[in-house]
């Protein structure tokens, strides 16, 4: 007489394995998403440093910062999610390509503006720029002690999650 028992997995075994794998994956995905967001935030900070260095090299070589090709809709800010961001730095070779926010949309983008000496009460010896980005993904704003640029009559942290300038640095 032949045995009717079969070797292998039953449908119940398969459903159980799929359920366990699904539960494990659902626990991992949010962690992976947060890691990616942290990496994008770190890339934003690195881009700010590289753009600042390119702006300073431009000023050192040519005697001035590039004009901001600002958008009236954004209050004169040049923005990375609009065409031509940092075009002057790319055209003159200070940047190989435009450095854009990893998401580069209305909520997450870089901004640059050039101000004349004395604007917003920032009185120094020359024009100054403000450079920053609009939002972090992993934290709402910079911790105390990290960089936000302000003038006596304007606090740029009201507009940007991170802002910097070379005002007062010579």
N, C-alpha and C. Protein backbone atom coordinates (compact mmCIF):
# COMPACT_ATOMS: atom_id res chain seq x y z
N UNK A 1 0.81 -1.16 0.00
CA UNK A 1 0.00 0.00 0.00
C UNK A 1 0.87 1.25 0.00
N UNK A 2 0.48 2.24 -0.81
CA UNK A 2 1.26 3.48 -0.92
C UNK A 2 0.78 4.49 0.11
N UNK A 3 1.74 5.22 0.59
CA UNK A 3 1.41 6.29 1.55
C UNK A 3 0.89 7.51 0.78
N UNK A 4 -0.15 8.14 1.29
CA UNK A 4 -0.72 9.32 0.63
C UNK A 4 -0.12 10.61 1.19
N UNK A 5 0.81 10.51 2.08
CA UNK A 5 1.46 11.68 2.65
C UNK A 5 2.42 12.29 1.63
N UNK A 6 2.35 13.61 1.46
CA UNK A 6 3.22 14.30 0.52
C UNK A 6 4.28 15.10 1.28
N UNK A 7 5.45 15.17 0.69
CA UNK A 7 6.51 15.99 1.27
C UNK A 7 6.36 17.41 0.72
N UNK A 8 6.74 18.43 1.50
CA UNK A 8 6.67 19.81 1.03
C UNK A 8 5.86 20.68 1.95
N UNK A 9 5.57 21.89 1.45
CA UNK A 9 4.84 22.89 2.23
C UNK A 9 3.36 22.84 1.91
N UNK A 10 2.59 23.12 2.90
CA UNK A 10 1.15 23.23 2.68
C UNK A 10 0.81 24.71 2.44
N UNK A 11 -0.39 24.96 2.03
CA UNK A 11 -0.83 26.34 1.82
C UNK A 11 -0.76 27.11 3.13
N UNK A 12 -1.09 26.47 4.21
CA UNK A 12 -1.03 27.12 5.52
C UNK A 12 0.40 27.53 5.86
N UNK A 13 1.37 26.64 5.56
CA UNK A 13 2.77 26.98 5.79
C UNK A 13 3.18 28.20 4.97
N UNK A 14 2.78 28.25 3.72
CA UNK A 14 3.11 29.38 2.85
C UNK A 14 2.53 30.69 3.35
N UNK A 15 1.27 30.66 3.76
CA UNK A 15 0.63 31.86 4.29
C UNK A 15 1.34 32.34 5.55
N UNK A 16 1.72 31.40 6.41
CA UNK A 16 2.42 31.75 7.65
C UNK A 16 3.77 32.41 7.34
N UNK A 17 4.53 31.87 6.41
CA UNK A 17 5.83 32.44 6.05
C UNK A 17 5.65 33.84 5.47
N UNK A 18 4.70 34.01 4.58
CA UNK A 18 4.46 35.33 3.97
C UNK A 18 4.05 36.34 5.04
N UNK A 19 3.24 35.93 5.99
CA UNK A 19 2.82 36.83 7.07
C UNK A 19 4.00 37.28 7.91
N UNK A 20 4.87 36.35 8.28
CA UNK A 20 6.03 36.68 9.10
C UNK A 20 6.96 37.63 8.34
N UNK A 21 7.22 37.34 7.08
CA UNK A 21 8.09 38.20 6.26
C UNK A 21 7.48 39.60 6.13
N UNK A 22 6.19 39.68 5.92
CA UNK A 22 5.51 40.98 5.80
C UNK A 22 5.64 41.80 7.08
N UNK A 23 5.48 41.16 8.21
CA UNK A 23 5.61 41.86 9.49
C UNK A 23 7.03 42.39 9.67
N UNK A 24 8.02 41.57 9.36
CA UNK A 24 9.41 42.00 9.49
C UNK A 24 9.72 43.17 8.55
N UNK A 25 9.27 43.10 7.32
CA UNK A 25 9.51 44.19 6.36
C UNK A 25 8.83 45.48 6.78
N UNK A 26 7.62 45.38 7.30
CA UNK A 26 6.92 46.60 7.72
C UNK A 26 7.63 47.27 8.89
N UNK A 27 8.35 46.51 9.69
CA UNK A 27 9.11 47.09 10.79
C UNK A 27 10.38 47.76 10.28
N UNK A 28 10.96 47.27 9.19
CA UNK A 28 12.20 47.82 8.65
C UNK A 28 12.00 49.04 7.78
N UNK A 29 10.94 49.13 7.02
CA UNK A 29 10.74 50.19 6.04
C UNK A 29 10.78 51.59 6.66
N UNK A 30 10.10 51.88 7.77
CA UNK A 30 10.21 53.24 8.34
C UNK A 30 11.64 53.60 8.72
N UNK A 31 12.40 52.66 9.22
CA UNK A 31 13.79 52.92 9.56
C UNK A 31 14.62 53.25 8.34
N UNK A 32 14.38 52.55 7.25
CA UNK A 32 15.08 52.84 6.01
C UNK A 32 14.71 54.22 5.48
N UNK A 33 13.45 54.57 5.58
CA UNK A 33 12.98 55.87 5.13
C UNK A 33 13.63 56.99 5.92
N UNK A 34 13.74 56.84 7.24
CA UNK A 34 14.36 57.86 8.08
C UNK A 34 15.84 57.99 7.77
N UNK A 35 16.52 56.87 7.50
CA UNK A 35 17.92 56.93 7.13
C UNK A 35 18.09 57.73 5.85
N UNK A 36 17.26 57.49 4.88
CA UNK A 36 17.34 58.21 3.62
C UNK A 36 17.08 59.70 3.84
N UNK A 37 16.14 60.06 4.67
CA UNK A 37 15.86 61.47 4.97
C UNK A 37 17.06 62.12 5.66
N UNK A 38 17.69 61.41 6.59
CA UNK A 38 18.90 61.93 7.26
C UNK A 38 20.01 62.15 6.24
N UNK A 39 20.16 61.21 5.32
CA UNK A 39 21.19 61.35 4.28
C UNK A 39 20.91 62.57 3.41
N UNK A 40 19.65 62.80 3.07
CA UNK A 40 19.31 63.98 2.27
C UNK A 40 19.58 65.27 3.05
N UNK A 41 19.28 65.28 4.36
CA UNK A 41 19.59 66.46 5.17
C UNK A 41 21.10 66.71 5.22
N UNK A 42 21.88 65.64 5.35
CA UNK A 42 23.34 65.79 5.36
C UNK A 42 23.82 66.32 4.01
N UNK A 43 23.24 65.84 2.92
CA UNK A 43 23.61 66.32 1.60
C UNK A 43 23.29 67.82 1.47
N UNK A 44 22.19 68.25 2.03
CA UNK A 44 21.83 69.68 2.00
C UNK A 44 22.92 70.52 2.68
N UNK A 45 23.37 70.08 3.85
CA UNK A 45 24.42 70.81 4.57
C UNK A 45 25.72 70.83 3.78
N UNK A 46 26.06 69.71 3.16
CA UNK A 46 27.27 69.65 2.33
C UNK A 46 27.16 70.56 1.12
N UNK A 47 25.99 70.61 0.50
CA UNK A 47 25.78 71.52 -0.63
C UNK A 47 25.92 72.98 -0.20
N UNK A 48 25.42 73.33 0.98
CA UNK A 48 25.54 74.71 1.46
C UNK A 48 27.01 75.09 1.58
N UNK A 49 27.82 74.17 2.10
CA UNK A 49 29.25 74.43 2.23
C UNK A 49 29.89 74.61 0.86
N UNK A 50 29.59 73.74 -0.07
CA UNK A 50 30.19 73.82 -1.41
C UNK A 50 29.75 75.09 -2.14
N UNK A 51 28.49 75.46 -2.04
CA UNK A 51 28.01 76.68 -2.70
C UNK A 51 28.65 77.91 -2.05
N UNK A 52 28.76 77.92 -0.72
CA UNK A 52 29.41 79.04 -0.03
C UNK A 52 30.85 79.20 -0.49
N UNK A 53 31.56 78.09 -0.60
CA UNK A 53 32.96 78.14 -1.07
C UNK A 53 33.04 78.66 -2.50
N UNK A 54 32.12 78.24 -3.36
CA UNK A 54 32.09 78.72 -4.75
C UNK A 54 31.78 80.22 -4.79
N UNK A 55 30.85 80.67 -3.96
CA UNK A 55 30.53 82.11 -3.90
C UNK A 55 31.74 82.92 -3.45
N UNK A 56 32.45 82.43 -2.45
CA UNK A 56 33.63 83.14 -1.97
C UNK A 56 34.75 83.15 -3.01
N UNK A 57 34.93 82.05 -3.73
CA UNK A 57 35.93 82.01 -4.80
C UNK A 57 35.57 83.02 -5.90
N UNK A 58 34.31 83.10 -6.24
CA UNK A 58 33.84 84.06 -7.24
C UNK A 58 34.16 85.49 -6.78
N UNK A 59 33.86 85.79 -5.53
CA UNK A 59 34.13 87.14 -5.00
C UNK A 59 35.62 87.42 -4.95
N UNK A 60 36.40 86.43 -4.56
CA UNK A 60 37.85 86.60 -4.48
C UNK A 60 38.45 86.89 -5.86
N UNK A 61 37.99 86.17 -6.86
CA UNK A 61 38.53 86.33 -8.22
C UNK A 61 37.99 87.57 -8.94
N UNK A 62 36.71 87.85 -8.77
CA UNK A 62 36.06 88.89 -9.57
C UNK A 62 35.69 90.15 -8.78
N UNK A 63 35.86 90.11 -7.46
CA UNK A 63 35.60 91.28 -6.65
C UNK A 63 34.16 91.47 -6.21
N UNK A 64 33.29 90.54 -6.54
CA UNK A 64 31.88 90.66 -6.14
C UNK A 64 31.24 89.28 -6.17
N UNK A 65 30.12 89.17 -5.47
CA UNK A 65 29.33 87.95 -5.53
C UNK A 65 28.45 88.00 -6.77
N UNK A 66 28.06 86.85 -7.30
CA UNK A 66 27.16 86.88 -8.46
C UNK A 66 25.79 87.46 -8.07
N UNK A 67 25.21 88.19 -8.99
CA UNK A 67 23.87 88.72 -8.75
C UNK A 67 22.89 87.57 -8.63
N UNK A 68 21.90 87.74 -7.79
CA UNK A 68 20.85 86.73 -7.67
C UNK A 68 19.83 86.99 -8.77
N UNK A 69 19.58 85.98 -9.56
CA UNK A 69 18.56 86.09 -10.61
C UNK A 69 17.24 85.71 -9.97
N UNK A 70 16.78 86.57 -9.07
CA UNK A 70 15.66 86.25 -8.20
C UNK A 70 14.30 86.28 -8.86
N UNK A 71 13.39 85.63 -8.20
CA UNK A 71 12.01 85.50 -8.65
C UNK A 71 11.14 86.43 -7.80
N UNK A 72 10.39 87.30 -8.45
CA UNK A 72 9.52 88.23 -7.72
C UNK A 72 8.54 87.47 -6.84
N UNK A 73 8.09 86.31 -7.30
CA UNK A 73 7.16 85.49 -6.53
C UNK A 73 7.77 85.05 -5.21
N UNK A 74 9.11 84.91 -5.18
CA UNK A 74 9.81 84.48 -3.97
C UNK A 74 10.49 85.65 -3.26
N UNK A 75 10.08 86.86 -3.51
CA UNK A 75 10.66 88.01 -2.83
C UNK A 75 12.09 88.30 -3.22
N UNK A 76 12.47 87.97 -4.44
CA UNK A 76 13.82 88.24 -4.93
C UNK A 76 14.81 87.12 -4.72
N UNK A 77 14.40 86.06 -4.06
CA UNK A 77 15.30 84.92 -3.86
C UNK A 77 15.49 84.16 -5.16
N UNK A 78 16.72 83.74 -5.42
CA UNK A 78 16.99 82.76 -6.48
C UNK A 78 16.75 81.40 -5.83
N UNK A 79 16.00 80.53 -6.47
CA UNK A 79 15.61 79.26 -5.84
C UNK A 79 15.96 78.07 -6.73
N UNK A 80 16.40 76.99 -6.10
CA UNK A 80 16.86 75.82 -6.85
C UNK A 80 15.75 75.10 -7.60
N UNK A 81 14.51 75.26 -7.19
CA UNK A 81 13.42 74.58 -7.90
C UNK A 81 12.89 75.42 -9.06
N UNK A 82 13.56 76.51 -9.35
CA UNK A 82 13.29 77.34 -10.53
C UNK A 82 14.48 77.20 -11.47
N UNK A 83 14.29 77.51 -12.74
CA UNK A 83 15.38 77.40 -13.72
C UNK A 83 16.52 78.37 -13.39
N UNK A 84 17.75 77.93 -13.65
CA UNK A 84 18.90 78.81 -13.59
C UNK A 84 19.57 78.99 -12.25
N UNK A 85 19.26 78.16 -11.26
CA UNK A 85 19.86 78.33 -9.93
C UNK A 85 21.38 78.23 -10.01
N UNK A 86 22.05 79.23 -9.51
CA UNK A 86 23.51 79.31 -9.46
C UNK A 86 24.14 79.22 -10.86
N UNK A 87 23.42 79.69 -11.87
CA UNK A 87 23.92 79.63 -13.25
C UNK A 87 25.24 80.37 -13.40
N UNK A 88 25.40 81.50 -12.72
CA UNK A 88 26.65 82.27 -12.83
C UNK A 88 27.83 81.46 -12.31
N UNK A 89 27.63 80.69 -11.24
CA UNK A 89 28.72 79.88 -10.70
C UNK A 89 29.06 78.71 -11.61
N UNK A 90 28.07 78.16 -12.26
CA UNK A 90 28.31 77.05 -13.19
C UNK A 90 28.99 77.59 -14.46
N UNK A 91 28.45 78.67 -15.00
CA UNK A 91 28.98 79.25 -16.24
C UNK A 91 30.44 79.66 -16.10
N UNK A 92 30.80 80.21 -14.94
CA UNK A 92 32.17 80.66 -14.73
C UNK A 92 33.08 79.58 -14.16
N UNK A 93 32.57 78.36 -13.98
CA UNK A 93 33.41 77.23 -13.58
C UNK A 93 33.61 77.04 -12.09
N UNK A 94 32.91 77.78 -11.26
CA UNK A 94 33.06 77.61 -9.81
C UNK A 94 32.29 76.40 -9.29
N UNK A 95 31.28 75.99 -10.03
CA UNK A 95 30.57 74.74 -9.77
C UNK A 95 30.51 73.96 -11.08
N UNK A 96 30.70 72.65 -11.01
CA UNK A 96 30.63 71.82 -12.22
C UNK A 96 29.19 71.73 -12.74
N UNK A 97 28.24 71.75 -11.82
CA UNK A 97 26.82 71.69 -12.16
C UNK A 97 26.04 72.32 -11.03
N UNK A 98 24.81 72.71 -11.27
CA UNK A 98 24.02 73.28 -10.17
C UNK A 98 23.84 72.24 -9.06
N UNK A 99 24.04 72.66 -7.83
CA UNK A 99 23.78 71.78 -6.70
C UNK A 99 22.35 72.03 -6.27
N UNK A 100 21.53 71.02 -6.39
CA UNK A 100 20.10 71.14 -6.13
C UNK A 100 19.70 70.33 -4.90
N UNK A 101 18.67 70.78 -4.24
CA UNK A 101 18.12 70.04 -3.11
C UNK A 101 17.75 68.63 -3.57
N UNK A 102 17.99 67.60 -2.76
CA UNK A 102 17.66 66.23 -3.18
C UNK A 102 16.20 66.04 -3.58
N UNK A 103 15.27 66.76 -2.96
CA UNK A 103 13.86 66.67 -3.36
C UNK A 103 13.50 67.78 -4.34
N UNK A 104 14.04 68.97 -4.13
CA UNK A 104 13.92 70.11 -5.03
C UNK A 104 12.48 70.37 -5.49
N UNK A 105 11.62 70.65 -4.53
CA UNK A 105 10.22 70.97 -4.82
C UNK A 105 9.84 72.24 -4.06
N UNK A 106 8.58 72.59 -4.06
CA UNK A 106 8.15 73.82 -3.38
C UNK A 106 8.48 73.81 -1.89
N UNK A 107 8.45 72.66 -1.25
CA UNK A 107 8.71 72.58 0.19
C UNK A 107 10.19 72.44 0.53
N UNK A 108 10.97 71.86 -0.35
CA UNK A 108 12.39 71.59 -0.10
C UNK A 108 13.21 72.14 -1.26
N UNK A 109 13.88 73.27 -1.04
CA UNK A 109 14.75 73.82 -2.08
C UNK A 109 15.75 74.78 -1.44
N UNK A 110 16.77 75.13 -2.23
CA UNK A 110 17.80 76.06 -1.80
C UNK A 110 17.42 77.47 -2.24
N UNK A 111 17.90 78.46 -1.48
CA UNK A 111 17.67 79.86 -1.84
C UNK A 111 18.95 80.66 -1.67
N UNK A 112 19.09 81.66 -2.53
CA UNK A 112 20.23 82.57 -2.50
C UNK A 112 19.73 83.97 -2.83
N UNK A 113 20.22 84.94 -2.09
CA UNK A 113 19.91 86.34 -2.39
C UNK A 113 21.14 87.18 -2.05
N UNK A 114 21.33 88.23 -2.82
CA UNK A 114 22.44 89.16 -2.60
C UNK A 114 21.86 90.48 -2.10
N UNK A 115 22.43 91.00 -1.01
CA UNK A 115 21.97 92.28 -0.44
C UNK A 115 23.11 93.28 -0.44
N UNK A 116 22.75 94.53 -0.58
CA UNK A 116 23.73 95.61 -0.49
C UNK A 116 24.03 95.90 0.98
N UNK A 117 25.21 96.40 1.23
CA UNK A 117 25.59 96.79 2.57
C UNK A 117 24.53 97.72 3.15
N UNK A 118 24.11 97.46 4.36
CA UNK A 118 23.13 98.29 5.04
C UNK A 118 21.72 97.75 4.99
N UNK A 119 21.44 96.83 4.08
CA UNK A 119 20.09 96.26 4.02
C UNK A 119 19.74 95.58 5.34
N UNK A 120 18.53 95.82 5.80
CA UNK A 120 17.98 95.22 7.03
C UNK A 120 18.83 95.51 8.26
N UNK A 121 19.58 96.61 8.21
CA UNK A 121 20.40 97.01 9.34
C UNK A 121 21.74 96.29 9.42
N UNK A 122 22.08 95.49 8.44
CA UNK A 122 23.38 94.82 8.40
C UNK A 122 24.38 95.77 7.74
N UNK A 123 25.08 96.52 8.56
CA UNK A 123 26.03 97.51 8.06
C UNK A 123 27.43 96.94 8.20
N UNK A 124 28.11 96.85 7.08
CA UNK A 124 29.47 96.31 7.06
C UNK A 124 30.30 97.07 6.05
N UNK A 125 31.18 96.37 5.38
CA UNK A 125 32.07 97.01 4.42
C UNK A 125 31.75 96.65 2.98
N UNK A 126 30.78 95.76 2.76
CA UNK A 126 30.50 95.32 1.39
C UNK A 126 29.14 94.63 1.33
N UNK A 127 28.75 94.28 0.11
CA UNK A 127 27.53 93.50 -0.08
C UNK A 127 27.65 92.17 0.66
N UNK A 128 26.52 91.53 0.89
CA UNK A 128 26.54 90.23 1.54
C UNK A 128 25.45 89.35 0.94
N UNK A 129 25.68 88.04 1.01
CA UNK A 129 24.67 87.11 0.50
C UNK A 129 24.05 86.35 1.66
N UNK A 130 22.87 85.83 1.41
CA UNK A 130 22.24 84.89 2.32
C UNK A 130 21.95 83.64 1.51
N UNK A 131 22.35 82.52 2.03
CA UNK A 131 22.19 81.23 1.38
C UNK A 131 21.54 80.28 2.38
N UNK A 132 20.62 79.48 1.92
CA UNK A 132 20.00 78.53 2.84
C UNK A 132 19.09 77.55 2.14
N UNK A 133 18.43 76.74 2.95
CA UNK A 133 17.42 75.84 2.39
C UNK A 133 16.16 75.91 3.24
N UNK A 134 15.06 75.52 2.63
CA UNK A 134 13.75 75.78 3.22
C UNK A 134 13.32 74.79 4.29
N UNK A 135 13.78 73.55 4.24
CA UNK A 135 13.28 72.58 5.21
C UNK A 135 14.21 71.39 5.39
N UNK A 136 14.32 70.96 6.64
CA UNK A 136 14.90 69.67 6.97
C UNK A 136 13.79 68.64 6.87
N UNK A 137 14.16 67.40 6.70
CA UNK A 137 13.17 66.32 6.72
C UNK A 137 13.13 65.62 8.07
N UNK A 138 14.24 65.64 8.81
CA UNK A 138 14.31 64.86 10.04
C UNK A 138 14.19 65.69 11.30
N UNK A 139 14.16 66.98 11.18
CA UNK A 139 13.98 67.85 12.33
C UNK A 139 13.33 69.15 11.85
N UNK A 140 12.54 69.78 12.70
CA UNK A 140 11.81 70.96 12.24
C UNK A 140 12.68 72.18 12.00
N UNK A 141 13.76 72.33 12.75
CA UNK A 141 14.64 73.48 12.56
C UNK A 141 15.98 73.17 13.19
N UNK A 142 16.90 74.10 13.07
CA UNK A 142 18.24 73.89 13.59
C UNK A 142 18.23 73.92 15.12
N UNK A 143 18.99 73.03 15.76
CA UNK A 143 19.13 73.11 17.21
C UNK A 143 19.83 74.43 17.59
N UNK A 144 19.63 74.86 18.83
CA UNK A 144 20.29 76.08 19.29
C UNK A 144 21.79 75.96 19.08
N UNK A 145 22.40 77.04 18.66
CA UNK A 145 23.84 77.04 18.45
C UNK A 145 24.23 76.72 17.02
N UNK A 146 23.32 76.19 16.22
CA UNK A 146 23.64 75.96 14.82
C UNK A 146 23.25 77.19 14.03
N UNK A 147 23.52 77.18 12.74
CA UNK A 147 23.53 78.42 11.98
C UNK A 147 22.18 78.91 11.50
N UNK A 148 21.92 80.14 11.87
CA UNK A 148 20.83 80.95 11.32
C UNK A 148 21.40 82.35 11.18
N UNK A 149 21.22 82.95 10.04
CA UNK A 149 21.72 84.30 9.84
C UNK A 149 20.61 85.30 10.12
N UNK A 150 20.95 86.34 10.84
CA UNK A 150 19.99 87.41 11.12
C UNK A 150 20.65 88.76 10.93
N UNK A 151 19.86 89.73 10.56
CA UNK A 151 20.25 91.14 10.56
C UNK A 151 19.41 91.79 11.65
N UNK A 152 19.78 92.98 12.10
CA UNK A 152 18.97 93.63 13.14
C UNK A 152 17.50 93.78 12.77
N UNK A 153 17.21 93.93 11.48
CA UNK A 153 15.83 94.15 11.07
C UNK A 153 15.20 92.96 10.33
N UNK A 154 15.90 91.85 10.26
CA UNK A 154 15.34 90.68 9.57
C UNK A 154 15.98 89.40 10.09
N UNK A 155 15.15 88.47 10.48
CA UNK A 155 15.60 87.16 10.93
C UNK A 155 15.29 86.16 9.82
N UNK A 156 16.33 85.67 9.16
CA UNK A 156 16.13 84.78 8.02
C UNK A 156 15.65 83.39 8.43
N UNK A 157 15.70 83.07 9.73
CA UNK A 157 15.18 81.77 10.17
C UNK A 157 13.66 81.71 10.05
N UNK A 158 13.01 82.87 9.87
CA UNK A 158 11.57 82.86 9.62
C UNK A 158 11.24 82.29 8.25
N UNK A 159 12.23 82.30 7.34
CA UNK A 159 12.02 81.86 5.97
C UNK A 159 12.75 80.56 5.63
N UNK A 160 13.82 80.29 6.35
CA UNK A 160 14.69 79.16 6.02
C UNK A 160 14.95 78.29 7.24
N UNK A 161 15.07 76.99 7.02
CA UNK A 161 15.42 76.07 8.11
C UNK A 161 16.90 76.19 8.45
N UNK A 162 17.71 76.57 7.47
CA UNK A 162 19.15 76.77 7.65
C UNK A 162 19.52 77.97 6.81
N UNK A 163 20.28 78.90 7.38
CA UNK A 163 20.73 80.06 6.61
C UNK A 163 22.13 80.43 7.03
N UNK A 164 22.89 80.95 6.08
CA UNK A 164 24.24 81.39 6.37
C UNK A 164 24.56 82.60 5.52
N UNK A 165 25.61 83.28 5.90
CA UNK A 165 26.06 84.45 5.17
C UNK A 165 27.51 84.68 5.52
N UNK A 166 28.19 85.46 4.71
CA UNK A 166 29.54 85.85 5.06
C UNK A 166 29.56 87.28 5.56
N UNK A 167 28.41 87.81 5.92
CA UNK A 167 28.36 89.17 6.44
C UNK A 167 29.30 89.28 7.63
N UNK A 168 30.13 90.31 7.61
CA UNK A 168 31.05 90.55 8.72
C UNK A 168 32.33 89.75 8.64
N UNK A 169 32.46 88.85 7.66
CA UNK A 169 33.69 88.08 7.49
C UNK A 169 34.48 88.70 6.34
N UNK A 170 35.74 88.95 6.56
CA UNK A 170 36.55 89.57 5.50
C UNK A 170 37.82 88.80 5.29
